[in-house]
C-alpha atoms as a PDB file:
ATOM      1  CA  MET A   1     -27.533  15.885 -21.880  1.00  0.00           C
ATOM      2  CA  THR A   2     -28.788  15.792 -18.223  1.00  0.00           C
ATOM      3  CA  ALA A   3     -26.494  14.468 -15.495  1.00  0.00           C
ATOM      4  CA  ALA A   4     -28.730  11.257 -14.789  1.00  0.00           C
ATOM      5  CA  ASP A   5     -28.663  10.505 -18.284  1.00  0.00           C
ATOM      6  CA  ALA A   6     -24.557  11.160 -18.597  1.00  0.00           C
ATOM      7  CA  LEU A   7     -24.525   8.418 -15.896  1.00  0.00           C
ATOM      8  CA  ARG A   8     -26.662   5.958 -17.231  1.00  0.00           C
ATOM      9  CA  ASP A   9     -24.887   6.200 -20.584  1.00  0.00           C
ATOM     10  CA  ALA A  10     -21.616   5.562 -18.754  1.00  0.00           C
ATOM     11  CA  ALA A  11     -22.740   2.973 -16.433  1.00  0.00           C
ATOM     12  CA  ARG A  12     -23.773   0.797 -19.594  1.00  0.00           C
ATOM     13  CA  ARG A  13     -20.406   1.609 -20.885  1.00  0.00           C
ATOM     14  CA  LEU A  14     -18.816   0.711 -17.688  1.00  0.00           C
ATOM     15  CA  ALA A  15     -20.860  -2.679 -17.363  1.00  0.00           C
ATOM     16  CA  HIS A  16     -17.300  -4.798 -17.375  1.00  0.00           C
ATOM     17  CA  VAL A  17     -16.532  -3.505 -13.787  1.00  0.00           C
ATOM     18  CA  PRO A  18     -17.708  -4.733 -10.112  1.00  0.00           C
ATOM     19  CA  ASP A  19     -19.751  -1.320  -9.911  1.00  0.00           C
ATOM     20  CA  PRO A  20     -20.536   0.601 -12.829  1.00  0.00           C
ATOM     21  CA  MET A  21     -22.455   3.382 -11.448  1.00  0.00           C
ATOM     22  CA  ARG A  22     -20.457   3.914  -8.217  1.00  0.00           C
ATOM     23  CA  ASP A  23     -17.305   4.350 -10.977  1.00  0.00           C
ATOM     24  CA  ALA A  24     -19.213   6.861 -12.849  1.00  0.00           C
ATOM     25  CA  ARG A  25     -20.561   9.181 -10.377  1.00  0.00           C
ATOM     26  CA  THR A  26     -16.808   9.134  -9.131  1.00  0.00           C
ATOM     27  CA  LEU A  27     -15.695   9.884 -12.287  1.00  0.00           C
ATOM     28  CA  LEU A  28     -18.134  12.316 -13.061  1.00  0.00           C
ATOM     29  CA  ALA A  29     -17.915  14.389  -9.687  1.00  0.00           C
ATOM     30  CA  HIS A  30     -13.782  14.106 -10.568  1.00  0.00           C
ATOM     31  CA  ALA A  31     -14.336  15.854 -13.935  1.00  0.00           C
ATOM     32  CA  ALA A  32     -15.992  18.277 -12.156  1.00  0.00           C
ATOM     33  CA  GLY A  33     -13.917  19.106  -9.514  1.00  0.00           C
ATOM     34  CA  LEU A  34     -16.448  18.077  -6.778  1.00  0.00           C
ATOM     35  CA  ASP A  35     -17.005  15.674  -3.741  1.00  0.00           C
ATOM     36  CA  ARG A  36     -19.198  12.549  -5.040  1.00  0.00           C
ATOM     37  CA  SER A  37     -21.687  13.868  -2.591  1.00  0.00           C
ATOM     38  CA  ALA A  38     -21.650  17.326  -4.197  1.00  0.00           C
ATOM     39  CA  LEU A  39     -23.360  15.486  -7.600  1.00  0.00           C
ATOM     40  CA  HIS A  40     -26.461  17.186  -7.449  1.00  0.00           C
ATOM     41  CA  ARG A  41     -25.337  20.544  -8.181  1.00  0.00           C
ATOM     42  CA  ILE A  42     -24.950  19.124 -11.458  1.00  0.00           C
ATOM     43  CA  ASP A  43     -27.888  19.251 -13.873  1.00  0.00           C
ATOM     44  CA  THR A  44     -26.135  18.821 -17.437  1.00  0.00           C
ATOM     45  CA  VAL A  45     -23.233  17.168 -18.777  1.00  0.00           C
ATOM     46  CA  GLU A  46     -21.790  19.218 -22.126  1.00  0.00           C
ATOM     47  CA  GLY A  47     -19.017  21.238 -23.423  1.00  0.00           C
ATOM     48  CA  ASP A  48     -15.446  21.244 -21.306  1.00  0.00           C
ATOM     49  CA  LEU A  49     -17.522  19.193 -18.612  1.00  0.00           C
ATOM     50  CA  ALA A  50     -18.696  16.737 -21.124  1.00  0.00           C
ATOM     51  CA  ALA A  51     -14.882  16.159 -22.588  1.00  0.00           C
ATOM     52  CA  ARG A  52     -13.226  15.682 -19.458  1.00  0.00           C
ATOM     53  CA  PHE A  53     -15.755  12.811 -18.088  1.00  0.00           C
ATOM     54  CA  ALA A  54     -15.516  11.017 -21.486  1.00  0.00           C
ATOM     55  CA  ALA A  55     -11.600  11.154 -21.481  1.00  0.00           C
ATOM     56  CA  LEU A  56     -11.553   9.795 -17.788  1.00  0.00           C
ATOM     57  CA  LEU A  57     -14.095   7.079 -19.069  1.00  0.00           C
ATOM     58  CA  ASP A  58     -11.883   6.026 -21.836  1.00  0.00           C
ATOM     59  CA  ARG A  59      -9.191   5.612 -19.355  1.00  0.00           C
ATOM     60  CA  ARG A  60     -11.786   3.455 -16.641  1.00  0.00           C
ATOM     61  CA  ALA A  61     -13.246   1.217 -19.360  1.00  0.00           C
ATOM     62  CA  ALA A  62      -9.467   0.405 -21.012  1.00  0.00           C
ATOM     63  CA  GLY A  63      -9.134  -1.148 -17.388  1.00  0.00           C
ATOM     64  CA  GLU A  64      -7.168   1.459 -15.294  1.00  0.00           C
ATOM     65  CA  PRO A  65      -7.698   1.253 -11.911  1.00  0.00           C
ATOM     66  CA  LEU A  66     -10.212   3.952 -10.581  1.00  0.00           C
ATOM     67  CA  ALA A  67      -7.546   4.614  -7.792  1.00  0.00           C
ATOM     68  CA  ARG A  68      -5.312   5.400 -10.569  1.00  0.00           C
ATOM     69  CA  ILE A  69      -7.090   7.720 -12.267  1.00  0.00           C
ATOM     70  CA  LEU A  70      -8.314   9.847  -9.239  1.00  0.00           C
ATOM     71  CA  GLY A  71      -4.398   9.432  -8.313  1.00  0.00           C
ATOM     72  CA  THR A  72      -5.470   8.629  -4.686  1.00  0.00           C
ATOM     73  CA  ARG A  73      -6.612   5.600  -2.624  1.00  0.00           C
ATOM     74  CA  ALA A  74      -8.484   5.339   0.741  1.00  0.00           C
ATOM     75  CA  PHE A  75      -6.171   3.509   3.010  1.00  0.00           C
ATOM     76  CA  TRP A  76      -7.155   2.855   7.119  1.00  0.00           C
ATOM     77  CA  LYS A  77      -8.469   6.090   7.763  1.00  0.00           C
ATOM     78  CA  HIS A  78      -6.939   8.758   5.371  1.00  0.00           C
ATOM     79  CA  GLU A  79      -6.492   9.351   1.656  1.00  0.00           C
ATOM     80  CA  PHE A  80      -3.099   8.447   0.262  1.00  0.00           C
ATOM     81  CA  ARG A  81      -1.876   9.971  -2.924  1.00  0.00           C
ATOM     82  CA  ILE A  82      -0.477   7.771  -5.570  1.00  0.00           C
ATOM     83  CA  THR A  83       1.541   7.885  -8.794  1.00  0.00           C
ATOM     84  CA  PRO A  84       2.793   5.376 -11.514  1.00  0.00           C
ATOM     85  CA  ASP A  85       5.544   5.054  -8.925  1.00  0.00           C
ATOM     86  CA  VAL A  86       4.238   3.436  -5.752  1.00  0.00           C
ATOM     87  CA  LEU A  87       2.058   0.562  -5.044  1.00  0.00           C
ATOM     88  CA  ASP A  88      -1.774   1.238  -5.055  1.00  0.00           C
ATOM     89  CA  PRO A  89      -2.216   0.191  -1.538  1.00  0.00           C
ATOM     90  CA  ARG A  90      -4.840  -2.772  -1.260  1.00  0.00           C
ATOM     91  CA  ALA A  91      -7.327  -3.265   1.912  1.00  0.00           C
ATOM     92  CA  ASP A  92      -5.081  -6.709   3.036  1.00  0.00           C
ATOM     93  CA  THR A  93      -2.404  -4.369   3.992  1.00  0.00           C
ATOM     94  CA  GLU A  94      -4.446  -2.828   6.933  1.00  0.00           C
ATOM     95  CA  ALA A  95      -4.420  -6.236   8.410  1.00  0.00           C
ATOM     96  CA  LEU A  96      -0.847  -5.269   8.990  1.00  0.00           C
ATOM     97  CA  VAL A  97      -1.542  -2.040  10.539  1.00  0.00           C
ATOM     98  CA  ALA A  98      -4.229  -3.398  12.921  1.00  0.00           C
ATOM     99  CA  ARG A  99      -1.894  -5.821  14.191  1.00  0.00           C
ATOM    100  CA  ALA A 100       1.032  -3.554  14.507  1.00  0.00           C
ATOM    101  CA  LEU A 101      -1.393  -1.594  16.484  1.00  0.00           C
ATOM    102  CA  ASP A 102      -2.059  -4.177  19.086  1.00  0.00           C
ATOM    103  CA  LEU A 103       1.874  -4.153  19.798  1.00  0.00           C
ATOM    104  CA  PRO A 104       3.814  -1.642  21.944  1.00  0.00           C
ATOM    105  CA  TRP A 105       5.970   0.677  20.569  1.00  0.00           C
ATOM    106  CA  GLN A 106       7.211   3.979  20.187  1.00  0.00           C
ATOM    107  CA  SER A 107       9.725   3.884  17.427  1.00  0.00           C
ATOM    108  CA  VAL A 108       8.977   2.312  13.735  1.00  0.00           C
ATOM    109  CA  LEU A 109      10.816   1.301  10.695  1.00  0.00           C
ATOM    110  CA  ASP A 110       8.932   0.813   7.422  1.00  0.00           C
ATOM    111  CA  LEU A 111      10.943  -1.130   4.676  1.00  0.00           C
ATOM    112  CA  GLY A 112       9.674  -0.494   1.554  1.00  0.00           C
ATOM    113  CA  THR A 113       7.664   2.292   2.182  1.00  0.00           C
ATOM    114  CA  GLY A 114       6.125   3.269  -1.307  1.00  0.00           C
ATOM    115  CA  SER A 115       3.187   5.687  -0.628  1.00  0.00           C
ATOM    116  CA  GLY A 116       3.893   5.542   2.988  1.00  0.00           C
ATOM    117  CA  CYS A 117       0.812   4.570   3.743  1.00  0.00           C
ATOM    118  CA  ILE A 118       1.498   1.887   6.658  1.00  0.00           C
ATOM    119  CA  LEU A 119       4.129   4.220   8.487  1.00  0.00           C
ATOM    120  CA  LEU A 120       1.707   7.279   8.161  1.00  0.00           C
ATOM    121  CA  SER A 121      -1.068   5.239   9.283  1.00  0.00           C
ATOM    122  CA  LEU A 122       0.598   3.314  12.234  1.00  0.00           C
ATOM    123  CA  LEU A 123       2.000   7.002  13.165  1.00  0.00           C
ATOM    124  CA  SER A 124      -1.218   8.695  13.229  1.00  0.00           C
ATOM    125  CA  GLU A 125      -2.151   6.250  15.853  1.00  0.00           C
ATOM    126  CA  ARG A 126       0.621   6.541  17.884  1.00  0.00           C
ATOM    127  CA  PRO A 127       1.162  10.239  19.418  1.00  0.00           C
ATOM    128  CA  GLY A 128       4.710  11.030  20.117  1.00  0.00           C
ATOM    129  CA  ALA A 129       6.092   7.854  18.428  1.00  0.00           C
ATOM    130  CA  THR A 130       8.773   8.425  15.441  1.00  0.00           C
ATOM    131  CA  GLY A 131       9.339   6.519  12.374  1.00  0.00           C
ATOM    132  CA  VAL A 132      11.643   6.250   9.651  1.00  0.00           C
ATOM    133  CA  GLY A 133      10.428   4.974   5.728  1.00  0.00           C
ATOM    134  CA  THR A 134      13.053   3.524   3.750  1.00  0.00           C
ATOM    135  CA  ASP A 135      12.792   2.863  -0.227  1.00  0.00           C
ATOM    136  CA  ILE A 136      15.112   1.933  -3.055  1.00  0.00           C
ATOM    137  CA  SER A 137      13.132   4.109  -5.251  1.00  0.00           C
ATOM    138  CA  ASP A 138      13.479   8.052  -4.965  1.00  0.00           C
ATOM    139  CA  ALA A 139      10.600   8.888  -6.637  1.00  0.00           C
ATOM    140  CA  ALA A 140       8.482   6.688  -4.272  1.00  0.00           C
ATOM    141  CA  LEU A 141      10.098   8.620  -1.350  1.00  0.00           C
ATOM    142  CA  LYS A 142       9.190  12.076  -2.889  1.00  0.00           C
ATOM    143  CA  VAL A 143       5.265  10.597  -3.032  1.00  0.00           C
ATOM    144  CA  ALA A 144       5.439   9.605   0.560  1.00  0.00           C
ATOM    145  CA  LYS A 145       7.228  12.775   1.652  1.00  0.00           C
ATOM    146  CA  ILE A 146       3.848  14.568   0.122  1.00  0.00           C
ATOM    147  CA  ASN A 147       1.535  12.290   1.740  1.00  0.00           C
ATOM    148  CA  ALA A 148       3.338  13.218   5.278  1.00  0.00           C
ATOM    149  CA  GLN A 149       3.324  16.683   4.707  1.00  0.00           C
ATOM    150  CA  THR A 150      -0.317  16.591   3.380  1.00  0.00           C
ATOM    151  CA  LEU A 151      -1.702  14.455   6.359  1.00  0.00           C
ATOM    152  CA  GLY A 152       0.584  17.125   8.633  1.00  0.00           C
ATOM    153  CA  ILE A 153       2.793  13.797  10.018  1.00  0.00           C
ATOM    154  CA  GLU A 154       6.341  13.714  11.179  1.00  0.00           C
ATOM    155  CA  ALA A 155       8.398  11.031   9.683  1.00  0.00           C
ATOM    156  CA  ASP A 156      12.106  11.053   7.972  1.00  0.00           C
ATOM    157  CA  PHE A 157      12.549   9.344   5.075  1.00  0.00           C
ATOM    158  CA  ALA A 158      15.727   7.475   3.099  1.00  0.00           C
ATOM    159  CA  ILE A 159      16.478   5.714   0.349  1.00  0.00           C
ATOM    160  CA  SER A 160      17.880   2.254   1.517  1.00  0.00           C
ATOM    161  CA  ASP A 161      17.954  -1.332  -0.420  1.00  0.00           C
ATOM    162  CA  TRP A 162      16.455  -2.702   2.436  1.00  0.00           C
ATOM    163  CA  PHE A 163      18.894  -2.208   5.580  1.00  0.00           C
ATOM    164  CA  SER A 164      21.824  -1.142   3.610  1.00  0.00           C
ATOM    165  CA  ASP A 165      21.591   2.329   4.475  1.00  0.00           C
ATOM    166  CA  VAL A 166      19.950   2.092   7.964  1.00  0.00           C
ATOM    167  CA  ALA A 167      21.235   2.842  11.245  1.00  0.00           C
ATOM    168  CA  GLY A 168      20.055   2.309  14.897  1.00  0.00           C
ATOM    169  CA  ARG A 169      17.375   0.069  16.441  1.00  0.00           C
ATOM    170  CA  PHE A 170      13.581   0.353  16.352  1.00  0.00           C
ATOM    171  CA  ASP A 171      10.892  -1.235  18.766  1.00  0.00           C
ATOM    172  CA  LEU A 172       8.963  -2.345  15.344  1.00  0.00           C
ATOM    173  CA  ILE A 173      10.095  -3.198  11.976  1.00  0.00           C
ATOM    174  CA  VAL A 174       7.195  -3.458   9.633  1.00  0.00           C
ATOM    175  CA  SER A 175       7.300  -4.345   5.268  1.00  0.00           C
ATOM    176  CA  ASN A 176       4.859  -4.832   2.667  1.00  0.00           C
ATOM    177  CA  PRO A 177       7.918  -6.207   0.251  1.00  0.00           C
ATOM    178  CA  PRO A 178       7.502  -7.644  -3.383  1.00  0.00           C
ATOM    179  CA  TYR A 179       6.901 -10.952  -2.908  1.00  0.00           C
ATOM    180  CA  ILE A 180       5.058 -12.274  -5.789  1.00  0.00           C
ATOM    181  CA  ALA A 181       6.980 -14.863  -7.637  1.00  0.00           C
ATOM    182  CA  ALA A 182       8.153 -14.391 -11.513  1.00  0.00           C
ATOM    183  CA  ASP A 183       5.961 -17.340 -12.361  1.00  0.00           C
ATOM    184  CA  GLU A 184       3.225 -15.889 -10.966  1.00  0.00           C
ATOM    185  CA  MET A 185       3.680 -12.550 -12.588  1.00  0.00           C
ATOM    186  CA  PRO A 186       1.579 -13.691 -15.915  1.00  0.00           C
ATOM    187  CA  ASP A 187      -1.376 -14.474 -13.854  1.00  0.00           C
ATOM    188  CA  LEU A 188      -1.848 -11.141 -12.487  1.00  0.00           C
ATOM    189  CA  SER A 189      -5.205  -8.897 -13.373  1.00  0.00           C
ATOM    190  CA  PRO A 190      -4.507  -6.271 -16.271  1.00  0.00           C
ATOM    191  CA  GLU A 191      -5.390  -3.748 -13.344  1.00  0.00           C
ATOM    192  CA  VAL A 192      -2.526  -4.726 -11.194  1.00  0.00           C
ATOM    193  CA  ALA A 193       0.011  -5.978 -13.904  1.00  0.00           C
ATOM    194  CA  ASP A 194      -0.265  -2.845 -16.130  1.00  0.00           C
ATOM    195  CA  HIS A 195      -0.451  -0.239 -13.507  1.00  0.00           C
ATOM    196  CA  ASP A 196       1.323  -1.132 -10.227  1.00  0.00           C
ATOM    197  CA  PRO A 197       5.191  -0.594 -10.581  1.00  0.00           C
ATOM    198  CA  HIS A 198       6.574  -3.875 -11.088  1.00  0.00           C
ATOM    199  CA  LEU A 199       9.552  -3.143  -8.906  1.00  0.00           C
ATOM    200  CA  ALA A 200       6.975  -3.135  -5.955  1.00  0.00           C
ATOM    201  CA  LEU A 201       5.125  -6.389  -7.064  1.00  0.00           C
ATOM    202  CA  SER A 202       7.955  -9.015  -7.583  1.00  0.00           C
ATOM    203  CA  PRO A 203      11.792  -9.645  -6.664  1.00  0.00           C
ATOM    204  CA  GLY A 204      11.858 -12.382  -9.136  1.00  0.00           C
ATOM    205  CA  SER A 205      12.704 -15.817  -8.566  1.00  0.00           C
ATOM    206  CA  ASP A 206      10.773 -17.792  -5.861  1.00  0.00           C
ATOM    207  CA  GLY A 207       9.234 -13.958  -4.798  1.00  0.00           C
ATOM    208  CA  LEU A 208      11.272 -14.539  -1.360  1.00  0.00           C
ATOM    209  CA  SER A 209      14.210 -12.777  -1.858  1.00  0.00           C
ATOM    210  CA  ALA A 210      13.115  -9.646  -0.008  1.00  0.00           C
ATOM    211  CA  TYR A 211      12.165 -11.701   3.291  1.00  0.00           C
ATOM    212  CA  ARG A 212      15.772 -13.318   2.857  1.00  0.00           C
ATOM    213  CA  ALA A 213      17.418  -9.694   3.107  1.00  0.00           C
ATOM    214  CA  ILE A 214      15.294  -8.739   5.920  1.00  0.00           C
ATOM    215  CA  ALA A 215      15.036 -11.778   8.291  1.00  0.00           C
ATOM    216  CA  ALA A 216      19.076 -11.006   7.747  1.00  0.00           C
ATOM    217  CA  GLY A 217      18.880  -7.731   9.004  1.00  0.00           C
ATOM    218  CA  ALA A 218      15.979  -7.782  11.509  1.00  0.00           C
ATOM    219  CA  ARG A 219      17.951  -8.557  14.545  1.00  0.00           C
ATOM    220  CA  ASN A 220      20.734  -5.903  13.955  1.00  0.00           C
ATOM    221  CA  HIS A 221      17.670  -3.463  14.082  1.00  0.00           C
ATOM    222  CA  LEU A 222      15.570  -4.412  16.446  1.00  0.00           C
ATOM    223  CA  THR A 223      15.474  -3.301  20.383  1.00  0.00           C
ATOM    224  CA  GLN A 224      15.458  -5.959  22.767  1.00  0.00           C
ATOM    225  CA  GLY A 225      11.893  -7.770  22.669  1.00  0.00           C
ATOM    226  CA  GLY A 226      10.915  -5.450  19.278  1.00  0.00           C
ATOM    227  CA  HIS A 227       8.734  -6.880  16.670  1.00  0.00           C
ATOM    228  CA  LEU A 228       9.146  -7.676  13.215  1.00  0.00           C
ATOM    229  CA  MET A 229       5.836  -7.557  10.913  1.00  0.00           C
ATOM    230  CA  VAL A 230       5.541  -8.335   7.282  1.00  0.00           C
ATOM    231  CA  GLU A 231       3.058  -8.948   4.644  1.00  0.00           C
ATOM    232  CA  VAL A 232       2.651 -11.849   2.601  1.00  0.00           C
ATOM    233  CA  GLY A 233       1.498 -13.500  -0.361  1.00  0.00           C
ATOM    234  CA  TRP A 234      -1.411 -16.132   1.290  1.00  0.00           C
ATOM    235  CA  THR A 235       0.730 -18.738   0.383  1.00  0.00           C
ATOM    236  CA  GLN A 236       3.919 -17.956   1.606  1.00  0.00           C
ATOM    237  CA  ALA A 237       3.333 -17.989   5.443  1.00  0.00           C
ATOM    238  CA  ARG A 238       4.506 -21.021   6.239  1.00  0.00           C
ATOM    239  CA  ALA A 239       8.172 -20.309   4.218  1.00  0.00           C
ATOM    240  CA  VAL A 240       8.414 -16.723   5.601  1.00  0.00           C
ATOM    241  CA  ALA A 241       7.826 -17.624   8.925  1.00  0.00           C
ATOM    242  CA  ALA A 242      10.760 -20.610   8.826  1.00  0.00           C
ATOM    243  CA  LEU A 243      13.128 -17.886   6.952  1.00  0.00           C
ATOM    244  CA  PHE A 244      12.529 -15.869  10.309  1.00  0.00           C
ATOM    245  CA  ARG A 245      13.185 -18.730  12.718  1.00  0.00           C
ATOM    246  CA  ALA A 246      16.381 -19.579  10.876  1.00  0.00           C
ATOM    247  CA  ALA A 247      17.416 -16.002  11.325  1.00  0.00           C
ATOM    248  CA  GLY A 248      16.950 -16.626  14.901  1.00  0.00           C
ATOM    249  CA  LEU A 249      13.687 -14.350  15.426  1.00  0.00           C
ATOM    250  CA  ALA A 250      11.448 -16.151  18.262  1.00  0.00           C
ATOM    251  CA  ASP A 251       7.888 -16.089  18.679  1.00  0.00           C
ATOM    252  CA  VAL A 252       6.717 -16.370  14.998  1.00  0.00           C
ATOM    253  CA  VAL A 253       3.060 -16.006  14.479  1.00  0.00           C
ATOM    254  CA  VAL A 254       1.024 -16.097  11.610  1.00  0.00           C
ATOM    255  CA  HIS A 255      -2.442 -13.416  11.373  1.00  0.00           C
ATOM    256  CA  PRO A 256      -4.819 -13.942   8.665  1.00  0.00           C
ATOM    257  CA  ASP A 257      -6.331 -10.638   7.053  1.00  0.00           C
ATOM    258  CA  LEU A 258     -10.170 -10.174   6.786  1.00  0.00           C
ATOM    259  CA  ALA A 259     -11.008 -12.979   4.429  1.00  0.00           C
ATOM    260  CA  ALA A 260      -9.157 -15.427   6.635  1.00  0.00           C
ATOM    261  CA  ARG A 261      -6.076 -15.665   4.313  1.00  0.00           C
ATOM    262  CA  ASP A 262      -2.434 -15.837   6.077  1.00  0.00           C
ATOM    263  CA  ARG A 263      -1.611 -12.203   5.331  1.00  0.00           C
ATOM    264  CA  VAL A 264       0.784 -11.206   8.134  1.00  0.00           C
ATOM    265  CA  VAL A 265       3.820 -12.868   9.856  1.00  0.00           C
ATOM    266  CA  CYS A 266       5.052 -11.610  13.120  1.00  0.00           C
ATOM    267  CA  ALA A 267       8.497 -12.314  14.870  1.00  0.00           C
ATOM    268  CA  LYS A 268      10.002 -10.897  18.028  1.00  0.00           C
ATOM    269  CA  ALA A 269      13.916 -10.706  18.739  1.00  0.00           C
ATOM    270  CA  GLY A 270      15.313 -12.069  21.496  1.00  0.00           C
ATOM    271  CA  ALA A 271      18.028 -10.924  23.665  1.00  0.00           C
ATOM    272  CA  ILE A 272      20.991  -8.340  21.928  1.00  0.00           C
ATOM    273  CA  THR A 273      24.056  -9.534  21.918  1.00  0.00           C
ATOM    274  CA  VAL A 274      27.123  -7.285  21.418  1.00  0.00           C
END
C-alpha cells in the first residue's frame, strides 16, 4: 500500500479524534522512526512498518492520547518524556511558567514535580538559578531526572509529601497539585481518567487538601518577599486564595490562562519571624 493510501485509511479510522490526518501522519512517522517532516521518504507501508503502524492506530482509535503513545509531550520550549507514572502536561500549565518568569527569583521549589516540566522549564529560562523538585512518587522522580539529564538542566530531586522532607527557604515555590474533587472524577474524559495517574489528578474529597498543606507550610520555606504560585482548577481560585490569606500570605492575586479562565493563584511571603 502506498503511504498516501495508508494515511487516508488511517485518517478515516481516526475520524472521531480532533485532527485525524495529523495523528495519522505523526503515528506513521513514529512507526518508521522518523520525524514527521521526513514522511516524504516513505513510499510504501508494508511488512513490519505496516504492522507497527496498525498497532499504534489500534491504541489511538481506542482512546489512548497521542502523547502517551509517543511517550513525549511538548511543553513550553522542550519535549518531555512522560510515562504512566506522571501527569501528561497540559498547555494550561504554561500559564504558571509564564507568570513565574515575570518574578525575581534565583531559587525555586517545585512541589509534586511529576515529569519535571514546570521546574525544568523555569530553570532553562533562568541561568544560574537553582531548583529542587519533590514528589511522593519515586517512579515520577525517575522520569523527572531523565528529563533533566536529557535537557542538560541541573536540578535536585527528592521524595517528599509536600513539605515533609523539604529543608531551607526558596525565592519561589510552585506547584500543580492534584485538585480534582472526588465527585468530579467520573466526569473526566476517558483520555484523562484512563491514562493519567489518579494520584496526580485527585486528592479526593473537595479537591483542596493539597492547597491546605501547601498554604500551611509555605511561609516556613519562602525567603522574605518570596512568592508562592500554584495552578488551580478554574472554579477553585476563590477558595485557594482564601486559604492563602488565612495562612498569613500576602498580595494574593489570581491570574487567567489563555482561555481567560482562572488558572494561577500567586501569593507573597511577608516578613519572616524567628
